[in-house]
C-alpha atoms as a PDB file:
ATOM      1  CA  MET A   1      11.370  18.441 -22.520  1.00  0.00           C
ATOM      2  CA  SER A   2      14.133  20.829 -21.598  1.00  0.00           C
ATOM      3  CA  GLY A   3      15.873  20.635 -18.258  1.00  0.00           C
ATOM      4  CA  TYR A   4      15.719  16.826 -18.062  1.00  0.00           C
ATOM      5  CA  GLU A   5      18.226  14.037 -18.330  1.00  0.00           C
ATOM      6  CA  TYR A   6      16.950  11.192 -20.551  1.00  0.00           C
ATOM      7  CA  LEU A   7      17.492   7.544 -19.762  1.00  0.00           C
ATOM      8  CA  LYS A   8      18.296   6.577 -23.349  1.00  0.00           C
ATOM      9  CA  SER A   9      21.006   9.237 -23.439  1.00  0.00           C
ATOM     10  CA  PHE A  10      22.962   7.043 -21.013  1.00  0.00           C
ATOM     11  CA  GLY A  11      22.915   3.974 -23.224  1.00  0.00           C
ATOM     12  CA  ALA A  12      19.609   2.387 -22.211  1.00  0.00           C
ATOM     13  CA  VAL A  13      18.027   0.360 -25.008  1.00  0.00           C
ATOM     14  CA  GLY A  14      14.495  -0.206 -23.728  1.00  0.00           C
ATOM     15  CA  ASP A  15      13.897  -3.407 -25.693  1.00  0.00           C
ATOM     16  CA  GLY A  16      12.953  -5.531 -22.668  1.00  0.00           C
ATOM     17  CA  VAL A  17      15.924  -7.840 -23.317  1.00  0.00           C
ATOM     18  CA  THR A  18      19.083  -5.803 -22.671  1.00  0.00           C
ATOM     19  CA  ASP A  19      19.889  -5.244 -18.997  1.00  0.00           C
ATOM     20  CA  ASP A  20      19.498  -1.469 -18.697  1.00  0.00           C
ATOM     21  CA  GLY A  21      20.297  -1.417 -14.972  1.00  0.00           C
ATOM     22  CA  PRO A  22      23.822  -0.012 -15.456  1.00  0.00           C
ATOM     23  CA  ALA A  23      22.435   2.719 -17.742  1.00  0.00           C
ATOM     24  CA  LEU A  24      19.804   3.677 -15.150  1.00  0.00           C
ATOM     25  CA  GLN A  25      22.494   3.764 -12.462  1.00  0.00           C
ATOM     26  CA  SER A  26      24.654   6.061 -14.603  1.00  0.00           C
ATOM     27  CA  ALA A  27      21.706   8.307 -15.381  1.00  0.00           C
ATOM     28  CA  LEU A  28      20.740   8.761 -11.725  1.00  0.00           C
ATOM     29  CA  ASN A  29      24.359   9.324 -10.725  1.00  0.00           C
ATOM     30  CA  ALA A  30      24.496  12.104 -13.307  1.00  0.00           C
ATOM     31  CA  CYS A  31      21.208  13.574 -12.091  1.00  0.00           C
ATOM     32  CA  LYS A  32      22.566  13.703  -8.565  1.00  0.00           C
ATOM     33  CA  ILE A  33      25.356  15.953  -9.831  1.00  0.00           C
ATOM     34  CA  SER A  34      23.349  18.029 -12.323  1.00  0.00           C
ATOM     35  CA  LYS A  35      20.276  18.306 -10.037  1.00  0.00           C
ATOM     36  CA  ARG A  36      18.098  17.604 -13.063  1.00  0.00           C
ATOM     37  CA  PRO A  37      15.130  15.231 -13.081  1.00  0.00           C
ATOM     38  CA  LEU A  38      15.364  11.966 -14.999  1.00  0.00           C
ATOM     39  CA  TYR A  39      12.840  11.206 -17.728  1.00  0.00           C
ATOM     40  CA  VAL A  40      12.321   7.520 -18.505  1.00  0.00           C
ATOM     41  CA  ASP A  41      11.665   7.476 -22.241  1.00  0.00           C
ATOM     42  CA  VAL A  42       8.913   5.251 -23.631  1.00  0.00           C
ATOM     43  CA  GLY A  43      10.147   1.660 -23.661  1.00  0.00           C
ATOM     44  CA  THR A  44      10.475  -1.515 -21.601  1.00  0.00           C
ATOM     45  CA  TYR A  45      13.727  -1.464 -19.641  1.00  0.00           C
ATOM     46  CA  LEU A  46      14.990  -4.686 -18.140  1.00  0.00           C
ATOM     47  CA  ILE A  47      16.591  -3.788 -14.805  1.00  0.00           C
ATOM     48  CA  ASN A  48      18.243  -6.980 -13.571  1.00  0.00           C
ATOM     49  CA  THR A  49      21.094  -5.011 -12.015  1.00  0.00           C
ATOM     50  CA  THR A  50      19.756  -3.260  -8.905  1.00  0.00           C
ATOM     51  CA  VAL A  51      20.134   0.516  -8.934  1.00  0.00           C
ATOM     52  CA  TYR A  52      21.339   1.966  -5.611  1.00  0.00           C
ATOM     53  CA  ILE A  53      20.853   5.641  -4.837  1.00  0.00           C
ATOM     54  CA  SER A  54      21.693   7.266  -1.514  1.00  0.00           C
ATOM     55  CA  ASN A  55      21.808  10.753  -0.033  1.00  0.00           C
ATOM     56  CA  PHE A  56      20.127  12.325  -3.058  1.00  0.00           C
ATOM     57  CA  VAL A  57      18.229  15.478  -2.110  1.00  0.00           C
ATOM     58  CA  GLY A  58      15.753  16.383  -4.824  1.00  0.00           C
ATOM     59  CA  ILE A  59      15.724  13.043  -6.654  1.00  0.00           C
ATOM     60  CA  THR A  60      13.073  13.133  -9.387  1.00  0.00           C
ATOM     61  CA  ILE A  61      12.190  10.288 -11.748  1.00  0.00           C
ATOM     62  CA  THR A  62       9.237  10.522 -14.112  1.00  0.00           C
ATOM     63  CA  GLY A  63       7.973   8.819 -17.230  1.00  0.00           C
ATOM     64  CA  PHE A  64       5.043   8.334 -19.566  1.00  0.00           C
ATOM     65  CA  GLY A  65       2.892   6.122 -17.351  1.00  0.00           C
ATOM     66  CA  GLU A  66       2.383   2.529 -18.427  1.00  0.00           C
ATOM     67  CA  SER A  67       4.526   3.162 -21.513  1.00  0.00           C
ATOM     68  CA  SER A  68       7.641   3.721 -19.368  1.00  0.00           C
ATOM     69  CA  VAL A  69       8.283   0.257 -17.954  1.00  0.00           C
ATOM     70  CA  LEU A  70      11.038  -0.785 -15.551  1.00  0.00           C
ATOM     71  CA  ARG A  71      10.986  -4.586 -15.436  1.00  0.00           C
ATOM     72  CA  ARG A  72      12.869  -7.181 -13.405  1.00  0.00           C
ATOM     73  CA  THR A  73      12.992 -10.937 -13.942  1.00  0.00           C
ATOM     74  CA  ILE A  74      15.322 -12.050 -11.116  1.00  0.00           C
ATOM     75  CA  SER A  75      15.313 -11.637  -7.340  1.00  0.00           C
ATOM     76  CA  GLY A  76      16.135  -8.232  -5.852  1.00  0.00           C
ATOM     77  CA  SER A  77      14.860  -4.688  -6.281  1.00  0.00           C
ATOM     78  CA  ILE A  78      14.697  -2.474  -9.336  1.00  0.00           C
ATOM     79  CA  ILE A  79      15.617   0.652  -7.357  1.00  0.00           C
ATOM     80  CA  ASN A  80      16.849   0.882  -3.775  1.00  0.00           C
ATOM     81  CA  LEU A  81      16.688   4.392  -2.304  1.00  0.00           C
ATOM     82  CA  THR A  82      18.438   5.226   0.965  1.00  0.00           C
ATOM     83  CA  SER A  83      18.429   8.605   2.728  1.00  0.00           C
ATOM     84  CA  CYS A  84      16.843  10.391  -0.213  1.00  0.00           C
ATOM     85  CA  SER A  85      14.508  13.332   0.308  1.00  0.00           C
ATOM     86  CA  ARG A  86      12.592  16.210  -1.272  1.00  0.00           C
ATOM     87  CA  GLY A  87      11.940  14.374  -4.497  1.00  0.00           C
ATOM     88  CA  SER A  88       9.443  12.258  -6.392  1.00  0.00           C
ATOM     89  CA  ILE A  89       8.955   9.148  -8.504  1.00  0.00           C
ATOM     90  CA  SER A  90       5.946   9.306 -10.792  1.00  0.00           C
ATOM     91  CA  PHE A  91       4.318   7.867 -13.916  1.00  0.00           C
ATOM     92  CA  ILE A  92       6.451   4.714 -14.059  1.00  0.00           C
ATOM     93  CA  ARG A  93       5.275   1.121 -14.469  1.00  0.00           C
ATOM     94  CA  PHE A  94       7.305  -1.158 -12.187  1.00  0.00           C
ATOM     95  CA  GLU A  95       6.880  -4.739 -13.297  1.00  0.00           C
ATOM     96  CA  GLY A  96       8.033  -8.178 -12.178  1.00  0.00           C
ATOM     97  CA  ASP A  97       7.762 -11.566 -13.818  1.00  0.00           C
ATOM     98  CA  GLY A  98       5.481 -13.146 -11.205  1.00  0.00           C
ATOM     99  CA  ALA A  99       8.126 -15.741 -10.388  1.00  0.00           C
ATOM    100  CA  SER A 100      11.056 -13.972  -8.673  1.00  0.00           C
ATOM    101  CA  ASP A 101      11.465 -12.629  -5.113  1.00  0.00           C
ATOM    102  CA  THR A 102      11.321  -9.014  -6.156  1.00  0.00           C
ATOM    103  CA  ASN A 103      10.500  -5.914  -4.089  1.00  0.00           C
ATOM    104  CA  LEU A 104      10.088  -3.653  -7.086  1.00  0.00           C
ATOM    105  CA  LEU A 105      10.853  -0.370  -5.295  1.00  0.00           C
ATOM    106  CA  LEU A 106      12.599  -0.301  -1.935  1.00  0.00           C
ATOM    107  CA  ILE A 107      12.798   2.901   0.104  1.00  0.00           C
ATOM    108  CA  ASP A 108      15.052   2.661   3.134  1.00  0.00           C
ATOM    109  CA  GLY A 109      14.916   4.867   6.218  1.00  0.00           C
ATOM    110  CA  ASN A 110      17.824   6.713   7.828  1.00  0.00           C
ATOM    111  CA  GLY A 111      16.777  10.245   6.944  1.00  0.00           C
ATOM    112  CA  THR A 112      14.402   9.622   4.060  1.00  0.00           C
ATOM    113  CA  GLY A 113      11.531  12.092   4.023  1.00  0.00           C
ATOM    114  CA  VAL A 114       9.462  14.600   2.074  1.00  0.00           C
ATOM    115  CA  LEU A 115       9.301  12.110  -0.785  1.00  0.00           C
ATOM    116  CA  SER A 116       6.368  11.574  -3.164  1.00  0.00           C
ATOM    117  CA  ILE A 117       5.598   8.277  -4.921  1.00  0.00           C
ATOM    118  CA  SER A 118       2.647   8.958  -7.209  1.00  0.00           C
ATOM    119  CA  ASN A 119       0.766   7.737 -10.270  1.00  0.00           C
ATOM    120  CA  ASN A 120       2.884   4.618 -10.669  1.00  0.00           C
ATOM    121  CA  GLN A 121       1.903   1.039 -11.420  1.00  0.00           C
ATOM    122  CA  PHE A 122       3.351  -1.895  -9.476  1.00  0.00           C
ATOM    123  CA  VAL A 123       2.507  -5.140 -11.224  1.00  0.00           C
ATOM    124  CA  ALA A 124       3.165  -8.883 -10.934  1.00  0.00           C
ATOM    125  CA  SER A 125       6.122  -9.016  -8.570  1.00  0.00           C
ATOM    126  CA  GLY A 126       6.959 -12.123  -6.562  1.00  0.00           C
ATOM    127  CA  GLY A 127       7.465  -9.814  -3.578  1.00  0.00           C
ATOM    128  CA  ARG A 128       6.149  -6.408  -2.576  1.00  0.00           C
ATOM    129  CA  GLY A 129       5.469  -3.803  -5.192  1.00  0.00           C
ATOM    130  CA  LEU A 130       6.618  -1.103  -2.783  1.00  0.00           C
ATOM    131  CA  LEU A 131       8.491  -1.548   0.494  1.00  0.00           C
ATOM    132  CA  ILE A 132       9.049   1.497   2.702  1.00  0.00           C
ATOM    133  CA  LEU A 133      11.389   0.270   5.385  1.00  0.00           C
ATOM    134  CA  GLY A 134      12.092   2.477   8.335  1.00  0.00           C
ATOM    135  CA  SER A 135      13.229   1.440  11.787  1.00  0.00           C
ATOM    136  CA  SER A 136      12.987   2.746  15.335  1.00  0.00           C
ATOM    137  CA  SER A 137      16.347   4.461  14.834  1.00  0.00           C
ATOM    138  CA  GLY A 138      15.833   5.371  11.146  1.00  0.00           C
ATOM    139  CA  GLN A 139      12.285   6.610  10.805  1.00  0.00           C
ATOM    140  CA  LEU A 140      10.798   8.092   7.661  1.00  0.00           C
ATOM    141  CA  SER A 141       8.590  11.166   7.688  1.00  0.00           C
ATOM    142  CA  SER A 142       6.370  13.195   5.374  1.00  0.00           C
ATOM    143  CA  VAL A 143       6.244  10.550   2.663  1.00  0.00           C
ATOM    144  CA  LYS A 144       3.356  10.729   0.188  1.00  0.00           C
ATOM    145  CA  ILE A 145       2.106   7.570  -1.524  1.00  0.00           C
ATOM    146  CA  LEU A 146      -0.517   8.865  -3.942  1.00  0.00           C
ATOM    147  CA  ASP A 147      -2.675   7.429  -6.728  1.00  0.00           C
ATOM    148  CA  ASN A 148      -0.640   4.306  -7.363  1.00  0.00           C
ATOM    149  CA  LEU A 149      -1.984   1.027  -8.722  1.00  0.00           C
ATOM    150  CA  PHE A 150      -0.897  -2.294  -7.204  1.00  0.00           C
ATOM    151  CA  LEU A 151      -1.929  -5.393  -9.162  1.00  0.00           C
ATOM    152  CA  SER A 152      -1.054  -8.976  -8.241  1.00  0.00           C
ATOM    153  CA  CYS A 153       2.139  -8.198  -6.357  1.00  0.00           C
ATOM    154  CA  ALA A 154       3.285 -10.731  -3.739  1.00  0.00           C
ATOM    155  CA  ILE A 155       2.175 -13.583  -6.022  1.00  0.00           C
ATOM    156  CA  LYS A 156       4.956 -15.996  -6.926  1.00  0.00           C
ATOM    157  CA  SER A 157       4.396 -18.713  -9.515  1.00  0.00           C
ATOM    158  CA  GLY A 158       0.665 -18.456  -8.995  1.00  0.00           C
ATOM    159  CA  GLN A 159       0.775 -18.668  -5.180  1.00  0.00           C
ATOM    160  CA  ALA A 160       0.455 -16.003  -2.505  1.00  0.00           C
ATOM    161  CA  VAL A 161       3.802 -15.376  -0.808  1.00  0.00           C
ATOM    162  CA  PRO A 162       3.261 -16.047   2.940  1.00  0.00           C
ATOM    163  CA  GLY A 163       3.360 -12.898   5.062  1.00  0.00           C
ATOM    164  CA  ILE A 164       4.034 -10.579   2.120  1.00  0.00           C
ATOM    165  CA  PRO A 165       1.566  -7.825   1.079  1.00  0.00           C
ATOM    166  CA  GLN A 166       1.454  -5.788  -2.115  1.00  0.00           C
ATOM    167  CA  MET A 167       2.665  -2.677  -0.268  1.00  0.00           C
ATOM    168  CA  GLU A 168       4.293  -2.418   3.139  1.00  0.00           C
ATOM    169  CA  ALA A 169       5.360   0.598   5.186  1.00  0.00           C
ATOM    170  CA  VAL A 170       7.213   0.433   8.512  1.00  0.00           C
ATOM    171  CA  TYR A 171       8.063   3.400  10.748  1.00  0.00           C
ATOM    172  CA  CYS A 172       6.723   5.920   8.272  1.00  0.00           C
ATOM    173  CA  HIS A 173       5.344   8.824  10.326  1.00  0.00           C
ATOM    174  CA  ASP A 174       3.381  11.972   9.412  1.00  0.00           C
ATOM    175  CA  SER A 175       2.786  10.511   5.974  1.00  0.00           C
ATOM    176  CA  GLU A 176      -0.085  10.375   3.505  1.00  0.00           C
ATOM    177  CA  PHE A 177      -1.422   7.324   1.710  1.00  0.00           C
ATOM    178  CA  SER A 178      -4.164   8.435  -0.655  1.00  0.00           C
ATOM    179  CA  GLY A 179      -5.913   7.303  -3.816  1.00  0.00           C
ATOM    180  CA  ASN A 180      -4.078   3.988  -4.136  1.00  0.00           C
ATOM    181  CA  GLN A 181      -5.640   0.780  -5.432  1.00  0.00           C
ATOM    182  CA  PHE A 182      -4.766  -2.752  -4.339  1.00  0.00           C
ATOM    183  CA  GLY A 183      -6.239  -5.502  -6.494  1.00  0.00           C
ATOM    184  CA  VAL A 184      -5.479  -8.490  -8.697  1.00  0.00           C
ATOM    185  CA  LEU A 185      -5.134  -9.482 -12.316  1.00  0.00           C
ATOM    186  CA  ASP A 186      -6.468 -12.998 -11.669  1.00  0.00           C
ATOM    187  CA  LEU A 187      -9.212 -13.715  -9.130  1.00  0.00           C
ATOM    188  CA  ASN A 188      -7.833 -17.226  -8.645  1.00  0.00           C
ATOM    189  CA  HIS A 189      -4.535 -15.928  -7.235  1.00  0.00           C
ATOM    190  CA  LYS A 190      -4.683 -13.382  -4.422  1.00  0.00           C
ATOM    191  CA  PRO A 191      -1.980 -11.859  -2.184  1.00  0.00           C
ATOM    192  CA  VAL A 192      -2.240 -12.184   1.591  1.00  0.00           C
ATOM    193  CA  ALA A 193      -2.937  -8.438   1.934  1.00  0.00           C
ATOM    194  CA  GLY A 194      -3.233  -5.341  -0.168  1.00  0.00           C
ATOM    195  CA  ALA A 195      -1.483  -3.008   2.275  1.00  0.00           C
ATOM    196  CA  VAL A 196       0.340  -3.438   5.582  1.00  0.00           C
ATOM    197  CA  LEU A 197       1.299  -0.473   7.762  1.00  0.00           C
ATOM    198  CA  THR A 198       3.254  -0.942  10.994  1.00  0.00           C
ATOM    199  CA  ASP A 199       4.304   1.853  13.369  1.00  0.00           C
ATOM    200  CA  CYS A 200       3.123   4.524  10.949  1.00  0.00           C
ATOM    201  CA  ARG A 201       1.838   7.250  13.240  1.00  0.00           C
ATOM    202  CA  ALA A 202       0.150  10.621  12.876  1.00  0.00           C
ATOM    203  CA  GLY A 203      -0.723  10.437   9.203  1.00  0.00           C
ATOM    204  CA  ASN A 204      -3.631  10.169   6.784  1.00  0.00           C
ATOM    205  CA  TYR A 205      -4.971   7.122   4.977  1.00  0.00           C
ATOM    206  CA  THR A 206      -7.633   8.319   2.579  1.00  0.00           C
ATOM    207  CA  ASN A 207      -9.563   7.218  -0.513  1.00  0.00           C
ATOM    208  CA  ASN A 208      -7.700   3.954  -0.984  1.00  0.00           C
ATOM    209  CA  TYR A 209      -9.412   0.974  -2.587  1.00  0.00           C
ATOM    210  CA  HIS A 210      -8.656  -2.626  -1.533  1.00  0.00           C
ATOM    211  CA  TRP A 211     -10.340  -5.420  -3.474  1.00  0.00           C
ATOM    212  CA  SER A 212      -9.960  -9.177  -3.962  1.00  0.00           C
ATOM    213  CA  ASN A 213      -6.963  -9.730  -1.693  1.00  0.00           C
ATOM    214  CA  VAL A 214      -6.998 -12.367   1.047  1.00  0.00           C
ATOM    215  CA  ASN A 215      -7.218  -9.524   3.587  1.00  0.00           C
ATOM    216  CA  GLY A 216      -7.731  -5.981   2.377  1.00  0.00           C
ATOM    217  CA  ALA A 217      -5.258  -4.353   4.773  1.00  0.00           C
ATOM    218  CA  LEU A 218      -3.480  -4.881   8.084  1.00  0.00           C
ATOM    219  CA  PHE A 219      -2.611  -1.992  10.393  1.00  0.00           C
ATOM    220  CA  SER A 220      -0.581  -2.269  13.591  1.00  0.00           C
ATOM    221  CA  SER A 221       0.644   0.390  16.041  1.00  0.00           C
ATOM    222  CA  CYS A 222      -0.601   3.191  13.774  1.00  0.00           C
ATOM    223  CA  SER A 223      -1.948   5.646  16.340  1.00  0.00           C
ATOM    224  CA  TYR A 224      -3.147   9.208  15.659  1.00  0.00           C
ATOM    225  CA  VAL A 225      -4.078   8.323  12.077  1.00  0.00           C
ATOM    226  CA  SER A 226      -7.172   9.411  10.130  1.00  0.00           C
ATOM    227  CA  PHE A 227      -8.853   6.851   7.864  1.00  0.00           C
ATOM    228  CA  VAL A 228     -11.297   8.622   5.576  1.00  0.00           C
ATOM    229  CA  GLY A 229     -13.167   7.567   2.440  1.00  0.00           C
ATOM    230  CA  ASN A 230     -11.492   4.184   1.935  1.00  0.00           C
ATOM    231  CA  ARG A 231     -13.031   1.038   0.467  1.00  0.00           C
ATOM    232  CA  TRP A 232     -12.428  -2.555   1.534  1.00  0.00           C
ATOM    233  CA  GLU A 233     -14.479  -4.979  -0.509  1.00  0.00           C
ATOM    234  CA  THR A 234     -14.708  -8.548  -1.881  1.00  0.00           C
ATOM    235  CA  ASN A 235     -11.653  -9.749   0.044  1.00  0.00           C
ATOM    236  CA  ASP A 236     -11.426 -13.455   0.891  1.00  0.00           C
ATOM    237  CA  GLN A 237     -11.208 -12.946   4.637  1.00  0.00           C
ATOM    238  CA  SER A 238     -11.426  -9.614   6.484  1.00  0.00           C
ATOM    239  CA  GLY A 239     -11.657  -6.189   4.936  1.00  0.00           C
ATOM    240  CA  LEU A 240      -9.173  -4.799   7.463  1.00  0.00           C
ATOM    241  CA  ILE A 241      -7.483  -5.935  10.649  1.00  0.00           C
ATOM    242  CA  CYS A 242      -6.290  -3.341  13.189  1.00  0.00           C
ATOM    243  CA  SER A 243      -4.243  -3.905  16.326  1.00  0.00           C
ATOM    244  CA  ASP A 244      -2.594  -1.800  19.046  1.00  0.00           C
ATOM    245  CA  MET A 245      -3.885   1.548  17.774  1.00  0.00           C
ATOM    246  CA  ASP A 246      -5.052   4.546  19.795  1.00  0.00           C
ATOM    247  CA  TYR A 247      -6.716   7.875  18.936  1.00  0.00           C
ATOM    248  CA  VAL A 248      -7.881   7.060  15.433  1.00  0.00           C
ATOM    249  CA  ASN A 249     -10.490   8.839  13.326  1.00  0.00           C
ATOM    250  CA  PHE A 250     -12.332   6.348  11.107  1.00  0.00           C
ATOM    251  CA  VAL A 251     -14.851   8.258   9.034  1.00  0.00           C
ATOM    252  CA  GLY A 252     -16.815   7.758   5.816  1.00  0.00           C
ATOM    253  CA  ASN A 253     -15.339   4.392   4.833  1.00  0.00           C
ATOM    254  CA  ARG A 254     -17.128   1.588   2.946  1.00  0.00           C
ATOM    255  CA  ILE A 255     -16.598  -2.020   4.001  1.00  0.00           C
ATOM    256  CA  HIS A 256     -18.603  -4.621   2.170  1.00  0.00           C
ATOM    257  CA  THR A 257     -18.907  -8.115   0.711  1.00  0.00           C
ATOM    258  CA  ASN A 258     -15.851  -9.469   2.488  1.00  0.00           C
ATOM    259  CA  SER A 259     -15.451 -13.036   3.854  1.00  0.00           C
ATOM    260  CA  GLN A 260     -15.684 -14.314   0.284  1.00  0.00           C
ATOM    261  CA  LEU A 261     -13.657 -17.431   1.063  1.00  0.00           C
ATOM    262  CA  SER A 262     -16.263 -18.709   3.495  1.00  0.00           C
ATOM    263  CA  SER A 263     -19.480 -16.800   4.172  1.00  0.00           C
ATOM    264  CA  GLY A 264     -20.079 -15.859   7.795  1.00  0.00           C
ATOM    265  CA  VAL A 265     -16.584 -16.805   8.994  1.00  0.00           C
ATOM    266  CA  TYR A 266     -14.610 -13.553   8.733  1.00  0.00           C
ATOM    267  CA  ASP A 267     -15.425  -9.990   9.803  1.00  0.00           C
ATOM    268  CA  GLY A 268     -15.687  -6.807   7.839  1.00  0.00           C
ATOM    269  CA  MET A 269     -13.398  -5.093  10.325  1.00  0.00           C
ATOM    270  CA  SER A 270     -11.460  -6.698  13.171  1.00  0.00           C
ATOM    271  CA  MET A 271      -9.976  -4.671  16.043  1.00  0.00           C
ATOM    272  CA  SER A 272      -7.736  -5.745  18.907  1.00  0.00           C
ATOM    273  CA  ASN A 273      -6.260  -3.591  21.667  1.00  0.00           C
ATOM    274  CA  CYS A 274      -7.608  -0.402  20.075  1.00  0.00           C
ATOM    275  CA  ARG A 275      -8.645   2.563  22.208  1.00  0.00           C
ATOM    276  CA  HIS A 276     -10.107   6.030  21.775  1.00  0.00           C
ATOM    277  CA  TRP A 277     -11.367   5.568  18.232  1.00  0.00           C
ATOM    278  CA  ALA A 278     -14.070   7.705  16.655  1.00  0.00           C
ATOM    279  CA  LEU A 279     -15.953   5.611  14.080  1.00  0.00           C
ATOM    280  CA  SER A 280     -18.672   7.523  12.262  1.00  0.00           C
ATOM    281  CA  ALA A 281     -20.483   7.756   8.919  1.00  0.00           C
ATOM    282  CA  ASN A 282     -19.110   4.403   7.773  1.00  0.00           C
ATOM    283  CA  THR A 283     -21.162   2.008   5.643  1.00  0.00           C
ATOM    284  CA  PHE A 284     -21.180  -1.787   5.876  1.00  0.00           C
ATOM    285  CA  PHE A 285     -23.163  -3.940   3.445  1.00  0.00           C
ATOM    286  CA  ASP A 286     -23.192  -6.934   1.126  1.00  0.00           C
ATOM    287  CA  TRP A 287     -23.952  -6.500  -2.559  1.00  0.00           C
ATOM    288  CA  THR A 288     -24.595 -10.185  -3.167  1.00  0.00           C
ATOM    289  CA  VAL A 289     -27.621 -12.220  -2.135  1.00  0.00           C
ATOM    290  CA  GLY A 290     -27.333 -13.019   1.564  1.00  0.00           C
ATOM    291  CA  ALA A 291     -24.906 -11.941   4.255  1.00  0.00           C
ATOM    292  CA  SER A 292     -21.210 -12.701   3.833  1.00  0.00           C
ATOM    293  CA  MET A 293     -19.444 -11.068   6.802  1.00  0.00           C
ATOM    294  CA  ARG A 294     -19.723 -12.541  10.301  1.00  0.00           C
ATOM    295  CA  TYR A 295     -19.689  -9.191  12.124  1.00  0.00           C
ATOM    296  CA  ASP A 296     -19.339  -5.795  10.514  1.00  0.00           C
ATOM    297  CA  ILE A 297     -17.062  -4.755  13.406  1.00  0.00           C
ATOM    298  CA  LYS A 298     -15.517  -7.156  15.886  1.00  0.00           C
ATOM    299  CA  MET A 299     -13.649  -5.756  18.902  1.00  0.00           C
ATOM    300  CA  ASP A 300     -11.726  -7.824  21.425  1.00  0.00           C
ATOM    301  CA  SER A 301     -11.833  -7.346  25.206  1.00  0.00           C
ATOM    302  CA  ASN A 302      -8.969  -4.817  25.103  1.00  0.00           C
ATOM    303  CA  CYS A 303     -10.824  -2.321  22.912  1.00  0.00           C
ATOM    304  CA  ASN A 304     -11.851   0.445  25.318  1.00  0.00           C
ATOM    305  CA  ASN A 305     -13.328   3.957  25.166  1.00  0.00           C
ATOM    306  CA  ASN A 306     -14.282   3.923  21.506  1.00  0.00           C
ATOM    307  CA  ALA A 307     -17.217   5.842  19.985  1.00  0.00           C
ATOM    308  CA  ILE A 308     -19.261   4.136  17.266  1.00  0.00           C
ATOM    309  CA  VAL A 309     -21.751   6.755  16.164  1.00  0.00           C
ATOM    310  CA  GLY A 310     -23.856   7.339  13.059  1.00  0.00           C
ATOM    311  CA  ASN A 311     -22.838   4.325  10.978  1.00  0.00           C
ATOM    312  CA  ILE A 312     -24.908   2.190   8.626  1.00  0.00           C
ATOM    313  CA  PHE A 313     -24.630  -1.539   9.255  1.00  0.00           C
ATOM    314  CA  GLY A 314     -25.622  -4.473   7.060  1.00  0.00           C
ATOM    315  CA  GLY A 315     -24.274  -7.527   5.275  1.00  0.00           C
ATOM    316  CA  TYR A 316     -23.568  -9.489   8.472  1.00  0.00           C
ATOM    317  CA  SER A 317     -24.633 -13.022   9.368  1.00  0.00           C
ATOM    318  CA  VAL A 318     -24.181 -12.931  13.158  1.00  0.00           C
ATOM    319  CA  GLY A 319     -24.387  -9.279  14.217  1.00  0.00           C
ATOM    320  CA  SER A 320     -23.466  -5.729  13.349  1.00  0.00           C
ATOM    321  CA  ILE A 321     -21.011  -5.259  16.228  1.00  0.00           C
ATOM    322  CA  SER A 322     -19.268  -7.591  18.640  1.00  0.00           C
ATOM    323  CA  ILE A 323     -18.035  -5.427  21.488  1.00  0.00           C
ATOM    324  CA  GLY A 324     -15.427  -6.256  24.079  1.00  0.00           C
ATOM    325  CA  GLY A 325     -13.791  -3.945  26.559  1.00  0.00           C
ATOM    326  CA  THR A 326     -15.301  -1.098  28.537  1.00  0.00           C
ATOM    327  CA  GLY A 327     -16.306   2.523  28.086  1.00  0.00           C
ATOM    328  CA  ASN A 328     -17.414   2.124  24.459  1.00  0.00           C
ATOM    329  CA  ILE A 329     -20.212   4.346  23.166  1.00  0.00           C
ATOM    330  CA  ILE A 330     -22.632   3.010  20.535  1.00  0.00           C
ATOM    331  CA  SER A 331     -25.185   5.525  19.346  1.00  0.00           C
ATOM    332  CA  SER A 332     -27.335   6.639  16.398  1.00  0.00           C
ATOM    333  CA  ASN A 333     -26.341   3.751  14.125  1.00  0.00           C
ATOM    334  CA  VAL A 334     -28.652   2.140  11.580  1.00  0.00           C
ATOM    335  CA  GLY A 335     -28.937  -1.594  10.992  1.00  0.00           C
END
């Protein structure tokens, strides 16, 4: 392909044994000057030297899908991006060894924005597959996380890493998370959560699929967000847990067959301190014999002024909805 820089042109071997981190660093440094995208040739590239890229406007890295592998076998990140914008990373397989404390791809805040991470695979890291780390003083904006596959990240030596999900985003506003999958390679070893979003406001979370994690997803302080067409299913505990969130549209989602660890103990969807939600056209059910989830939706006493209208409920052992708070509207639901 013309107009590209090629990773192997900078001395990368791609045999899975040679540390190609310095070659990847050199290649991206050159791309920053030439303004050309980097193509990761077919191969397995051991990246045990972390690649640091900062202040790169227009950074573009692409490959040949699962045939372009960036692999790490020690603690640390494969790539650490800081203050990079108006670029993309796509069609790369990021891979750990399942034993090291590795956040495969780390995106730092401080001006990062208008960045697309799409059609990648994040597999078998002992830490997060993807960490998007903003702060109150260094927020990210207009980031797109699209059509990525997360498999058995946050599993270290066969055990879930406490408090670590497969993907985590913090202070990532006006962003889109769409078409991603969060699952496992081995049903006997599950991460604590597929996705965790904290202080990610005014964005869209659509058509994501969370299966066979301990909890499907955890969302906190993510107000003014639309959740549409997502699936949370066959997770050990809850499908999703939401806290401190206002003015949320929650439409057309499917939540089913959760509480697999212990039937009737965990809820399909748990909400605390959530206000002014519109929940409609969602479907709750169990595809096994009997009811697995305790409640389809459980709200605490601080969940006020929410509208639960036109949903289909099922697959619960205690009740469809446990309502706390005041001013909630429940109408035209089935089940």
